[in-house]
Amino acid sequence: MLVTRLYWLHALSPTHVGIGRGVGYIDLPIDRDGVTGWPIIRGSGFKGVWADYYTQREAEKDRMKNDLLRAAFGIAGDDNNSNAGALIPTDAKLVCLPVRSFRGTFAWCTSPLALQMLRRTLDLAGVKDLPVAPKELADNVAHHATGTALVEGTQVFLEDLDFTANECNTATKWAEKIAAWVFPGDDAWQEQFKKRFVVLPDTAFDFLCETGTEVHTRVRIDDDMKVVAKGALWTEESLPVETILAGIVQCDRVFGRNCENITPAVLLDRFAKDPLTLQIGGKATVGRGQMRCIFTPVNGGVE
């Protein structure tokens, strides 16, 4: 039986999951989905960081000698001493992008299309009783949850964009669901999320995904002259603090020698249960990439 859990990534610091040198005005851009153009964190990158987190904390760090680690994350070697990892994470796709707001400081922004894609992901994972996805919006309208902190008069002002505010029951239901998943057991932050949740038109959300990330200018100082070294001026892009992404972790069979008695549920209960703080992407030595990782049990999950 396929055992599945959701995982949510919540950025605590700007996060640079890059693709190398770019060809545009940003020298080091972040990774983006090839179809939507929205920021994304690949499952391969997440799995490597996730595996390293547990490898560094186990008493026996050698995966060859730790059957659970070996079964969960796999190990490279010759044909007789290698196996694939049983835990399979999908890419973490964008759910909410934080955007500065005239009222309420900032908003967690999403769109009808983003929620439709999230709903499809949740449905595939086996989550039940999901709200419907909001219908498409006019370009000048934004749906918000009940009790929002974002409305000034009848408008919502985000960056240099303004929208007519519309209280929406569907937006309220999505805000409540996502808040409970991303901030489990934390009533204060759940309330903050619901007050700042807003559903924007797809066109506006696309525009903010392209222009609303953080771009930092970096330099390298010449040790002798104490000025910028020649050619050592560059720009790098990051996901902003408070960005929220979601993906699936699934497991249907366990590979490897000496792993016959390890079940998928045991692996998920061991490695995909407790909240984690992970360092994802580059620039760790300058504080980038700190992320909360929260797992949500669904069908077949072990509490």
C-alpha atoms as a PDB file:
ATOM      1  CA  MET A   1       0.000   0.000   0.000  1.00  0.00           C
ATOM      2  CA  LEU A   2       1.251   3.465  -0.860  1.00  0.00           C
ATOM      3  CA  VAL A   3       1.840   5.404   2.360  1.00  0.00           C
ATOM      4  CA  THR A   4       1.845   9.175   1.942  1.00  0.00           C
ATOM      5  CA  ARG A   5       2.566  12.323   3.885  1.00  0.00           C
ATOM      6  CA  LEU A   6       2.573  15.973   2.980  1.00  0.00           C
ATOM      7  CA  TYR A   7       5.544  18.165   3.661  1.00  0.00           C
ATOM      8  CA  TRP A   8       5.438  21.946   3.966  1.00  0.00           C
ATOM      9  CA  LEU A   9       8.434  24.271   3.717  1.00  0.00           C
ATOM     10  CA  HIS A  10       8.244  27.668   5.414  1.00  0.00           C
ATOM     11  CA  ALA A  11      11.161  30.038   4.827  1.00  0.00           C
ATOM     12  CA  LEU A  12      12.641  31.574   7.988  1.00  0.00           C
ATOM     13  CA  SER A  13      15.383  33.413   6.088  1.00  0.00           C
ATOM     14  CA  PRO A  14      15.910  34.313   2.416  1.00  0.00           C
ATOM     15  CA  THR A  15      16.504  31.061   0.555  1.00  0.00           C
ATOM     16  CA  HIS A  16      18.666  30.681  -2.541  1.00  0.00           C
ATOM     17  CA  VAL A  17      18.062  27.384  -4.326  1.00  0.00           C
ATOM     18  CA  GLY A  18      19.870  28.325  -7.497  1.00  0.00           C
ATOM     19  CA  ILE A  19      20.494  26.993 -10.982  1.00  0.00           C
ATOM     20  CA  GLY A  20      23.965  28.422 -11.490  1.00  0.00           C
ATOM     21  CA  ARG A  21      24.730  31.527 -13.522  1.00  0.00           C
ATOM     22  CA  GLY A  22      21.820  33.154 -15.326  1.00  0.00           C
ATOM     23  CA  VAL A  23      21.675  35.038 -18.606  1.00  0.00           C
ATOM     24  CA  GLY A  24      19.504  37.966 -17.470  1.00  0.00           C
ATOM     25  CA  TYR A  25      20.107  40.883 -15.134  1.00  0.00           C
ATOM     26  CA  ILE A  26      20.255  38.513 -12.131  1.00  0.00           C
ATOM     27  CA  ASP A  27      23.595  36.739 -12.093  1.00  0.00           C
ATOM     28  CA  LEU A  28      22.471  33.883  -9.804  1.00  0.00           C
ATOM     29  CA  PRO A  29      18.722  33.265 -10.210  1.00  0.00           C
ATOM     30  CA  ILE A  30      16.617  30.790  -8.242  1.00  0.00           C
ATOM     31  CA  ASP A  31      15.116  27.625  -9.676  1.00  0.00           C
ATOM     32  CA  ARG A  32      11.678  27.987 -11.264  1.00  0.00           C
ATOM     33  CA  ASP A  33       9.043  25.627 -12.604  1.00  0.00           C
ATOM     34  CA  GLY A  34       9.480  25.163 -16.336  1.00  0.00           C
ATOM     35  CA  VAL A  35       5.765  25.601 -17.087  1.00  0.00           C
ATOM     36  CA  THR A  36       4.420  28.185 -14.622  1.00  0.00           C
ATOM     37  CA  GLY A  37       7.653  30.098 -13.999  1.00  0.00           C
ATOM     38  CA  TRP A  38       6.930  30.036 -10.255  1.00  0.00           C
ATOM     39  CA  PRO A  39       9.718  29.389  -7.733  1.00  0.00           C
ATOM     40  CA  ILE A  40      10.182  25.722  -6.850  1.00  0.00           C
ATOM     41  CA  ILE A  41      12.373  23.528  -4.646  1.00  0.00           C
ATOM     42  CA  ARG A  42      13.204  20.248  -6.338  1.00  0.00           C
ATOM     43  CA  GLY A  43      12.533  16.982  -4.548  1.00  0.00           C
ATOM     44  CA  SER A  44      16.125  15.883  -5.116  1.00  0.00           C
ATOM     45  CA  GLY A  45      17.469  18.948  -3.320  1.00  0.00           C
ATOM     46  CA  PHE A  46      15.051  18.546  -0.438  1.00  0.00           C
ATOM     47  CA  LYS A  47      15.813  14.833  -0.060  1.00  0.00           C
ATOM     48  CA  GLY A  48      19.544  15.443   0.144  1.00  0.00           C
ATOM     49  CA  VAL A  49      19.159  18.013   2.925  1.00  0.00           C
ATOM     50  CA  TRP A  50      16.586  15.844   4.704  1.00  0.00           C
ATOM     51  CA  ALA A  51      18.856  12.797   4.590  1.00  0.00           C
ATOM     52  CA  ASP A  52      21.847  14.817   5.785  1.00  0.00           C
ATOM     53  CA  TYR A  53      19.845  16.146   8.747  1.00  0.00           C
ATOM     54  CA  TYR A  54      19.251  12.634  10.057  1.00  0.00           C
ATOM     55  CA  THR A  55      22.624  11.249   9.036  1.00  0.00           C
ATOM     56  CA  GLN A  56      24.383  13.906  11.133  1.00  0.00           C
ATOM     57  CA  ARG A  57      22.188  13.185  14.160  1.00  0.00           C
ATOM     58  CA  GLU A  58      22.287   9.408  14.283  1.00  0.00           C
ATOM     59  CA  ALA A  59      24.700   7.746  16.675  1.00  0.00           C
ATOM     60  CA  GLU A  60      25.877   5.592  13.785  1.00  0.00           C
ATOM     61  CA  LYS A  61      26.390   7.977  10.877  1.00  0.00           C
ATOM     62  CA  ASP A  62      27.441   5.337   8.362  1.00  0.00           C
ATOM     63  CA  ARG A  63      24.342   4.405   6.351  1.00  0.00           C
ATOM     64  CA  MET A  64      25.906   1.031   5.587  1.00  0.00           C
ATOM     65  CA  LYS A  65      25.587   0.191   9.285  1.00  0.00           C
ATOM     66  CA  ASN A  66      22.219   1.835   9.930  1.00  0.00           C
ATOM     67  CA  ASP A  67      19.415  -0.138   8.326  1.00  0.00           C
ATOM     68  CA  LEU A  68      16.753   2.551   8.811  1.00  0.00           C
ATOM     69  CA  LEU A  69      18.872   5.299   7.263  1.00  0.00           C
ATOM     70  CA  ARG A  70      19.898   3.043   4.416  1.00  0.00           C
ATOM     71  CA  ALA A  71      16.316   1.979   3.707  1.00  0.00           C
ATOM     72  CA  ALA A  72      14.924   5.500   3.938  1.00  0.00           C
ATOM     73  CA  PHE A  73      17.457   7.439   1.870  1.00  0.00           C
ATOM     74  CA  GLY A  74      19.423   4.829  -0.051  1.00  0.00           C
ATOM     75  CA  ILE A  75      23.136   4.418  -0.483  1.00  0.00           C
ATOM     76  CA  ALA A  76      25.501   4.427  -3.453  1.00  0.00           C
ATOM     77  CA  GLY A  77      28.004   1.647  -4.014  1.00  0.00           C
ATOM     78  CA  ASP A  78      28.552  -1.452  -6.076  1.00  0.00           C
ATOM     79  CA  ASP A  79      25.672  -3.695  -7.085  1.00  0.00           C
ATOM     80  CA  ASN A  80      25.854  -5.730  -3.895  1.00  0.00           C
ATOM     81  CA  ASN A  81      26.041  -2.766  -1.522  1.00  0.00           C
ATOM     82  CA  SER A  82      23.664  -0.167  -2.948  1.00  0.00           C
ATOM     83  CA  ASN A  83      19.946   0.445  -2.895  1.00  0.00           C
ATOM     84  CA  ALA A  84      17.447   3.152  -3.738  1.00  0.00           C
ATOM     85  CA  GLY A  85      15.870   5.173  -0.979  1.00  0.00           C
ATOM     86  CA  ALA A  86      12.310   4.186  -0.109  1.00  0.00           C
ATOM     87  CA  LEU A  87      11.170   7.706   0.813  1.00  0.00           C
ATOM     88  CA  ILE A  88      10.212   9.569  -2.371  1.00  0.00           C
ATOM     89  CA  PRO A  89       9.585  13.345  -2.112  1.00  0.00           C
ATOM     90  CA  THR A  90       8.015  15.287  -4.970  1.00  0.00           C
ATOM     91  CA  ASP A  91       9.066  18.828  -5.831  1.00  0.00           C
ATOM     92  CA  ALA A  92       7.892  21.444  -3.320  1.00  0.00           C
ATOM     93  CA  LYS A  93       5.632  23.812  -5.248  1.00  0.00           C
ATOM     94  CA  LEU A  94       4.725  27.356  -4.322  1.00  0.00           C
ATOM     95  CA  VAL A  95       1.590  27.826  -2.215  1.00  0.00           C
ATOM     96  CA  CYS A  96       1.943  31.335  -0.762  1.00  0.00           C
ATOM     97  CA  LEU A  97       4.307  34.154  -1.693  1.00  0.00           C
ATOM     98  CA  PRO A  98       4.758  36.930   0.906  1.00  0.00           C
ATOM     99  CA  VAL A  99       4.211  40.434  -0.473  1.00  0.00           C
ATOM    100  CA  ARG A 100       4.471  43.797   1.310  1.00  0.00           C
ATOM    101  CA  SER A 101       1.120  45.319   2.181  1.00  0.00           C
ATOM    102  CA  PHE A 102       0.079  48.873   3.021  1.00  0.00           C
ATOM    103  CA  ARG A 103      -2.067  47.416   5.830  1.00  0.00           C
ATOM    104  CA  GLY A 104      -1.095  44.362   7.829  1.00  0.00           C
ATOM    105  CA  THR A 105       2.655  44.637   6.999  1.00  0.00           C
ATOM    106  CA  PHE A 106       2.622  41.777   4.493  1.00  0.00           C
ATOM    107  CA  ALA A 107       0.227  39.334   2.852  1.00  0.00           C
ATOM    108  CA  TRP A 108       0.535  35.616   2.149  1.00  0.00           C
ATOM    109  CA  CYS A 109      -0.557  35.671  -1.498  1.00  0.00           C
ATOM    110  CA  THR A 110      -1.855  32.838  -3.625  1.00  0.00           C
ATOM    111  CA  SER A 111      -4.103  32.520  -6.677  1.00  0.00           C
ATOM    112  CA  PRO A 112      -6.998  30.381  -7.943  1.00  0.00           C
ATOM    113  CA  LEU A 113      -4.607  28.385 -10.135  1.00  0.00           C
ATOM    114  CA  ALA A 114      -2.131  27.864  -7.272  1.00  0.00           C
ATOM    115  CA  LEU A 115      -4.956  26.592  -5.042  1.00  0.00           C
ATOM    116  CA  GLN A 116      -6.293  24.354  -7.815  1.00  0.00           C
ATOM    117  CA  MET A 117      -2.836  22.814  -8.172  1.00  0.00           C
ATOM    118  CA  LEU A 118      -2.507  22.454  -4.396  1.00  0.00           C
ATOM    119  CA  ARG A 119      -5.944  20.833  -4.230  1.00  0.00           C
ATOM    120  CA  ARG A 120      -4.924  18.325  -6.892  1.00  0.00           C
ATOM    121  CA  THR A 121      -1.756  17.505  -4.937  1.00  0.00           C
ATOM    122  CA  LEU A 122      -3.703  17.080  -1.697  1.00  0.00           C
ATOM    123  CA  ASP A 123      -6.305  14.943  -3.427  1.00  0.00           C
ATOM    124  CA  LEU A 124      -3.603  12.671  -4.870  1.00  0.00           C
ATOM    125  CA  ALA A 125      -2.112  12.352  -1.381  1.00  0.00           C
ATOM    126  CA  GLY A 126      -5.460  11.220  -0.022  1.00  0.00           C
ATOM    127  CA  VAL A 127      -6.506  14.299   1.931  1.00  0.00           C
ATOM    128  CA  LYS A 128     -10.268  14.444   2.389  1.00  0.00           C
ATOM    129  CA  ASP A 129     -12.841  17.228   2.845  1.00  0.00           C
ATOM    130  CA  LEU A 130     -10.956  19.862   0.880  1.00  0.00           C
ATOM    131  CA  PRO A 131     -12.468  23.271   0.044  1.00  0.00           C
ATOM    132  CA  VAL A 132     -13.222  23.953  -3.588  1.00  0.00           C
ATOM    133  CA  ALA A 133     -10.717  26.061  -5.487  1.00  0.00           C
ATOM    134  CA  PRO A 134     -11.761  29.719  -5.896  1.00  0.00           C
ATOM    135  CA  LYS A 135     -13.078  30.758  -9.279  1.00  0.00           C
ATOM    136  CA  GLU A 136     -11.066  33.011 -11.540  1.00  0.00           C
ATOM    137  CA  LEU A 137     -11.015  36.646 -10.467  1.00  0.00           C
ATOM    138  CA  ALA A 138     -11.264  39.907 -12.300  1.00  0.00           C
ATOM    139  CA  ASP A 139      -7.872  41.575 -12.593  1.00  0.00           C
ATOM    140  CA  ASN A 140      -8.747  44.235  -9.992  1.00  0.00           C
ATOM    141  CA  VAL A 141     -10.308  41.985  -7.288  1.00  0.00           C
ATOM    142  CA  ALA A 142      -8.682  40.127  -4.386  1.00  0.00           C
ATOM    143  CA  HIS A 143     -10.416  37.589  -2.146  1.00  0.00           C
ATOM    144  CA  HIS A 144      -9.534  37.661   1.545  1.00  0.00           C
ATOM    145  CA  ALA A 145     -10.473  35.644   4.612  1.00  0.00           C
ATOM    146  CA  THR A 146     -12.831  36.791   7.344  1.00  0.00           C
ATOM    147  CA  GLY A 147     -11.148  39.078   9.884  1.00  0.00           C
ATOM    148  CA  THR A 148      -8.388  40.191   7.541  1.00  0.00           C
ATOM    149  CA  ALA A 149      -5.826  42.809   8.517  1.00  0.00           C
ATOM    150  CA  LEU A 150      -5.131  43.791   4.903  1.00  0.00           C
ATOM    151  CA  VAL A 151      -8.074  45.994   3.945  1.00  0.00           C
ATOM    152  CA  GLU A 152      -7.785  49.791   3.820  1.00  0.00           C
ATOM    153  CA  GLY A 153     -11.274  51.128   3.179  1.00  0.00           C
ATOM    154  CA  THR A 154     -12.436  48.823   0.392  1.00  0.00           C
ATOM    155  CA  GLN A 155      -8.994  48.177  -1.085  1.00  0.00           C
ATOM    156  CA  VAL A 156      -6.020  45.875  -0.631  1.00  0.00           C
ATOM    157  CA  PHE A 157      -2.688  47.540  -1.474  1.00  0.00           C
ATOM    158  CA  LEU A 158       0.220  45.194  -2.249  1.00  0.00           C
ATOM    159  CA  GLU A 159       3.525  46.684  -3.388  1.00  0.00           C
ATOM    160  CA  ASP A 160       2.376  49.139  -6.104  1.00  0.00           C
ATOM    161  CA  LEU A 161      -0.765  47.136  -6.974  1.00  0.00           C
ATOM    162  CA  ASP A 162      -4.238  47.850  -5.627  1.00  0.00           C
ATOM    163  CA  PHE A 163      -7.264  45.542  -5.624  1.00  0.00           C
ATOM    164  CA  THR A 164     -10.897  45.757  -4.621  1.00  0.00           C
ATOM    165  CA  ALA A 165     -11.258  43.688  -1.449  1.00  0.00           C
ATOM    166  CA  ASN A 166     -13.836  40.901  -1.413  1.00  0.00           C
ATOM    167  CA  GLU A 167     -14.476  38.765   1.669  1.00  0.00           C
ATOM    168  CA  CYS A 168     -14.769  35.152   0.514  1.00  0.00           C
ATOM    169  CA  ASN A 169     -15.918  32.051   2.408  1.00  0.00           C
ATOM    170  CA  THR A 170     -13.786  29.818   0.188  1.00  0.00           C
ATOM    171  CA  ALA A 171     -10.692  31.912   0.952  1.00  0.00           C
ATOM    172  CA  THR A 172     -11.526  31.666   4.666  1.00  0.00           C
ATOM    173  CA  LYS A 173     -11.740  27.868   4.474  1.00  0.00           C
ATOM    174  CA  TRP A 174      -8.416  27.615   2.626  1.00  0.00           C
ATOM    175  CA  ALA A 175      -6.782  29.981   5.124  1.00  0.00           C
ATOM    176  CA  GLU A 176      -7.969  27.826   8.016  1.00  0.00           C
ATOM    177  CA  LYS A 177      -6.763  24.607   6.366  1.00  0.00           C
ATOM    178  CA  ILE A 178      -3.326  25.868   5.364  1.00  0.00           C
ATOM    179  CA  ALA A 179      -2.806  27.591   8.722  1.00  0.00           C
ATOM    180  CA  ALA A 180      -3.527  24.339  10.567  1.00  0.00           C
ATOM    181  CA  TRP A 181      -1.090  22.406   8.365  1.00  0.00           C
ATOM    182  CA  VAL A 182       1.778  24.914   8.403  1.00  0.00           C
ATOM    183  CA  PHE A 183       1.431  26.022  12.044  1.00  0.00           C
ATOM    184  CA  PRO A 184       0.102  22.927  13.837  1.00  0.00           C
ATOM    185  CA  GLY A 185      -0.734  23.550  17.481  1.00  0.00           C
ATOM    186  CA  ASP A 186       0.171  27.250  17.279  1.00  0.00           C
ATOM    187  CA  ASP A 187      -3.025  29.250  17.593  1.00  0.00           C
ATOM    188  CA  ALA A 188      -1.277  32.621  17.482  1.00  0.00           C
ATOM    189  CA  TRP A 189       0.450  31.985  14.156  1.00  0.00           C
ATOM    190  CA  GLN A 190      -2.639  30.339  12.696  1.00  0.00           C
ATOM    191  CA  GLU A 191      -4.546  33.519  13.444  1.00  0.00           C
ATOM    192  CA  GLN A 192      -1.780  35.658  11.923  1.00  0.00           C
ATOM    193  CA  PHE A 193      -1.870  33.561   8.767  1.00  0.00           C
ATOM    194  CA  LYS A 194      -5.632  33.865   8.369  1.00  0.00           C
ATOM    195  CA  LYS A 195      -5.451  37.651   8.842  1.00  0.00           C
ATOM    196  CA  ARG A 196      -2.863  37.944   6.047  1.00  0.00           C
ATOM    197  CA  PHE A 197      -4.146  35.376   3.538  1.00  0.00           C
ATOM    198  CA  VAL A 198      -5.263  36.760   0.173  1.00  0.00           C
ATOM    199  CA  VAL A 199      -6.197  35.190  -3.167  1.00  0.00           C
ATOM    200  CA  LEU A 200      -5.059  37.322  -6.105  1.00  0.00           C
ATOM    201  CA  PRO A 201      -5.931  37.084  -9.806  1.00  0.00           C
ATOM    202  CA  ASP A 202      -3.700  34.643 -11.669  1.00  0.00           C
ATOM    203  CA  THR A 203      -2.131  37.427 -13.750  1.00  0.00           C
ATOM    204  CA  ALA A 204      -1.191  39.457 -10.671  1.00  0.00           C
ATOM    205  CA  PHE A 205       0.204  36.385  -8.922  1.00  0.00           C
ATOM    206  CA  ASP A 206       2.315  35.526 -11.977  1.00  0.00           C
ATOM    207  CA  PHE A 207       3.667  39.090 -12.023  1.00  0.00           C
ATOM    208  CA  LEU A 208       4.563  38.991  -8.312  1.00  0.00           C
ATOM    209  CA  CYS A 209       6.221  35.573  -8.654  1.00  0.00           C
ATOM    210  CA  GLU A 210       8.455  37.090 -11.324  1.00  0.00           C
ATOM    211  CA  THR A 211       9.189  40.427  -9.637  1.00  0.00           C
ATOM    212  CA  GLY A 212       8.441  39.865  -5.936  1.00  0.00           C
ATOM    213  CA  THR A 213      11.453  37.767  -4.963  1.00  0.00           C
ATOM    214  CA  GLU A 214      14.467  39.236  -3.155  1.00  0.00           C
ATOM    215  CA  VAL A 215      17.504  40.265  -5.210  1.00  0.00           C
ATOM    216  CA  HIS A 216      20.685  40.986  -3.242  1.00  0.00           C
ATOM    217  CA  THR A 217      23.821  42.664  -4.498  1.00  0.00           C
ATOM    218  CA  ARG A 218      26.958  40.934  -3.266  1.00  0.00           C
ATOM    219  CA  VAL A 219      30.633  41.917  -3.434  1.00  0.00           C
ATOM    220  CA  ARG A 220      33.977  40.409  -2.531  1.00  0.00           C
ATOM    221  CA  ILE A 221      36.520  42.678  -0.854  1.00  0.00           C
ATOM    222  CA  ASP A 222      40.171  42.622  -1.852  1.00  0.00           C
ATOM    223  CA  ASP A 223      42.101  41.714   1.315  1.00  0.00           C
ATOM    224  CA  ASP A 224      44.984  44.056   0.563  1.00  0.00           C
ATOM    225  CA  MET A 225      43.238  47.105  -0.872  1.00  0.00           C
ATOM    226  CA  LYS A 226      39.991  46.828   1.144  1.00  0.00           C
ATOM    227  CA  VAL A 227      37.924  47.682  -1.921  1.00  0.00           C
ATOM    228  CA  VAL A 228      35.713  45.561  -4.143  1.00  0.00           C
ATOM    229  CA  ALA A 229      37.862  43.041  -5.989  1.00  0.00           C
ATOM    230  CA  LYS A 230      37.897  43.424  -9.763  1.00  0.00           C
ATOM    231  CA  GLY A 231      34.897  41.644 -11.283  1.00  0.00           C
ATOM    232  CA  ALA A 232      33.607  40.575  -7.864  1.00  0.00           C
ATOM    233  CA  LEU A 233      30.227  42.322  -7.960  1.00  0.00           C
ATOM    234  CA  TRP A 234      27.166  40.166  -8.582  1.00  0.00           C
ATOM    235  CA  THR A 235      23.439  39.835  -7.853  1.00  0.00           C
ATOM    236  CA  GLU A 236      21.687  36.777  -6.483  1.00  0.00           C
ATOM    237  CA  GLU A 237      17.998  35.990  -6.124  1.00  0.00           C
ATOM    238  CA  SER A 238      16.292  34.417  -3.106  1.00  0.00           C
ATOM    239  CA  LEU A 239      12.869  33.310  -2.017  1.00  0.00           C
ATOM    240  CA  PRO A 240      11.718  35.877   0.554  1.00  0.00           C
ATOM    241  CA  VAL A 241      11.187  35.136   4.221  1.00  0.00           C
ATOM    242  CA  GLU A 242       7.722  33.616   4.921  1.00  0.00           C
ATOM    243  CA  THR A 243       7.424  31.842   1.564  1.00  0.00           C
ATOM    244  CA  ILE A 244       5.379  28.630   1.861  1.00  0.00           C
ATOM    245  CA  LEU A 245       5.736  25.593  -0.428  1.00  0.00           C
ATOM    246  CA  ALA A 246       4.242  22.100  -0.330  1.00  0.00           C
ATOM    247  CA  GLY A 247       5.031  18.634  -1.652  1.00  0.00           C
ATOM    248  CA  ILE A 248       4.356  14.944  -1.036  1.00  0.00           C
ATOM    249  CA  VAL A 249       6.505  12.231   0.514  1.00  0.00           C
ATOM    250  CA  GLN A 250       5.422   8.735  -0.462  1.00  0.00           C
ATOM    251  CA  CYS A 251       6.631   5.210   0.109  1.00  0.00           C
ATOM    252  CA  ASP A 252       5.253   1.955  -1.310  1.00  0.00           C
ATOM    253  CA  ARG A 253       8.112  -0.512  -0.798  1.00  0.00           C
ATOM    254  CA  VAL A 254      11.429  -0.782   1.015  1.00  0.00           C
ATOM    255  CA  PHE A 255      14.622  -1.692  -0.837  1.00  0.00           C
ATOM    256  CA  GLY A 256      17.927  -3.086   0.364  1.00  0.00           C
ATOM    257  CA  ARG A 257      19.477  -6.013   2.149  1.00  0.00           C
ATOM    258  CA  ASN A 258      18.574  -6.508   5.830  1.00  0.00           C
ATOM    259  CA  CYS A 259      15.518  -4.288   5.333  1.00  0.00           C
ATOM    260  CA  GLU A 260      12.906  -7.024   4.911  1.00  0.00           C
ATOM    261  CA  ASN A 261      11.228  -6.265   8.231  1.00  0.00           C
ATOM    262  CA  ILE A 262      11.114  -2.475   7.758  1.00  0.00           C
ATOM    263  CA  THR A 263       7.732  -1.188   6.575  1.00  0.00           C
ATOM    264  CA  PRO A 264       6.935   2.093   4.783  1.00  0.00           C
ATOM    265  CA  ALA A 265       4.897   3.245   7.792  1.00  0.00           C
ATOM    266  CA  VAL A 266       7.891   2.695  10.088  1.00  0.00           C
ATOM    267  CA  LEU A 267      10.146   4.826   7.870  1.00  0.00           C
ATOM    268  CA  LEU A 268       7.647   7.667   7.627  1.00  0.00           C
ATOM    269  CA  ASP A 269       7.019   7.562  11.358  1.00  0.00           C
ATOM    270  CA  ARG A 270      10.765   7.728  12.005  1.00  0.00           C
ATOM    271  CA  PHE A 271      11.819  10.347   9.448  1.00  0.00           C
ATOM    272  CA  ALA A 272       8.645  12.232   8.405  1.00  0.00           C
ATOM    273  CA  LYS A 273       6.862  13.018  11.637  1.00  0.00           C
ATOM    274  CA  ASP A 274       8.578  15.666  13.754  1.00  0.00           C
ATOM    275  CA  PRO A 275       8.996  19.270  12.542  1.00  0.00           C
ATOM    276  CA  LEU A 276      12.528  20.020  11.342  1.00  0.00           C
ATOM    277  CA  THR A 277      14.618  23.121  10.769  1.00  0.00           C
ATOM    278  CA  LEU A 278      16.635  22.553   7.609  1.00  0.00           C
ATOM    279  CA  GLN A 279      19.263  24.544   5.724  1.00  0.00           C
ATOM    280  CA  ILE A 280      18.212  24.380   2.078  1.00  0.00           C
ATOM    281  CA  GLY A 281      20.124  25.842  -0.840  1.00  0.00           C
ATOM    282  CA  GLY A 282      23.305  27.864  -0.897  1.00  0.00           C
ATOM    283  CA  LYS A 283      24.775  30.810   1.013  1.00  0.00           C
ATOM    284  CA  ALA A 284      24.436  29.125   4.410  1.00  0.00           C
ATOM    285  CA  THR A 285      27.398  31.060   5.846  1.00  0.00           C
ATOM    286  CA  VAL A 286      25.552  34.359   5.309  1.00  0.00           C
ATOM    287  CA  GLY A 287      22.335  33.131   6.897  1.00  0.00           C
ATOM    288  CA  ARG A 288      20.426  31.987   3.836  1.00  0.00           C
ATOM    289  CA  GLY A 289      18.221  28.925   3.560  1.00  0.00           C
ATOM    290  CA  GLN A 290      16.785  28.384   7.041  1.00  0.00           C
ATOM    291  CA  MET A 291      13.432  26.627   6.585  1.00  0.00           C
ATOM    292  CA  ARG A 292      10.848  24.964   8.780  1.00  0.00           C
ATOM    293  CA  CYS A 293       9.737  21.580   7.474  1.00  0.00           C
ATOM    294  CA  ILE A 294       6.383  20.281   8.724  1.00  0.00           C
ATOM    295  CA  PHE A 295       4.979  16.849   7.904  1.00  0.00           C
ATOM    296  CA  THR A 296       1.247  16.163   7.721  1.00  0.00           C
ATOM    297  CA  PRO A 297       0.036  12.529   7.989  1.00  0.00           C
ATOM    298  CA  VAL A 298      -2.687  11.485   5.552  1.00  0.00           C
ATOM    299  CA  ASN A 299      -3.806   8.026   4.412  1.00  0.00           C
ATOM    300  CA  GLY A 300      -1.879   5.266   6.118  1.00  0.00           C
ATOM    301  CA  GLY A 301       0.214   7.718   8.136  1.00  0.00           C
ATOM    302  CA  VAL A 302       1.366   6.847  11.633  1.00  0.00           C
ATOM    303  CA  GLU A 303       0.746   9.507  14.234  1.00  0.00           C
END
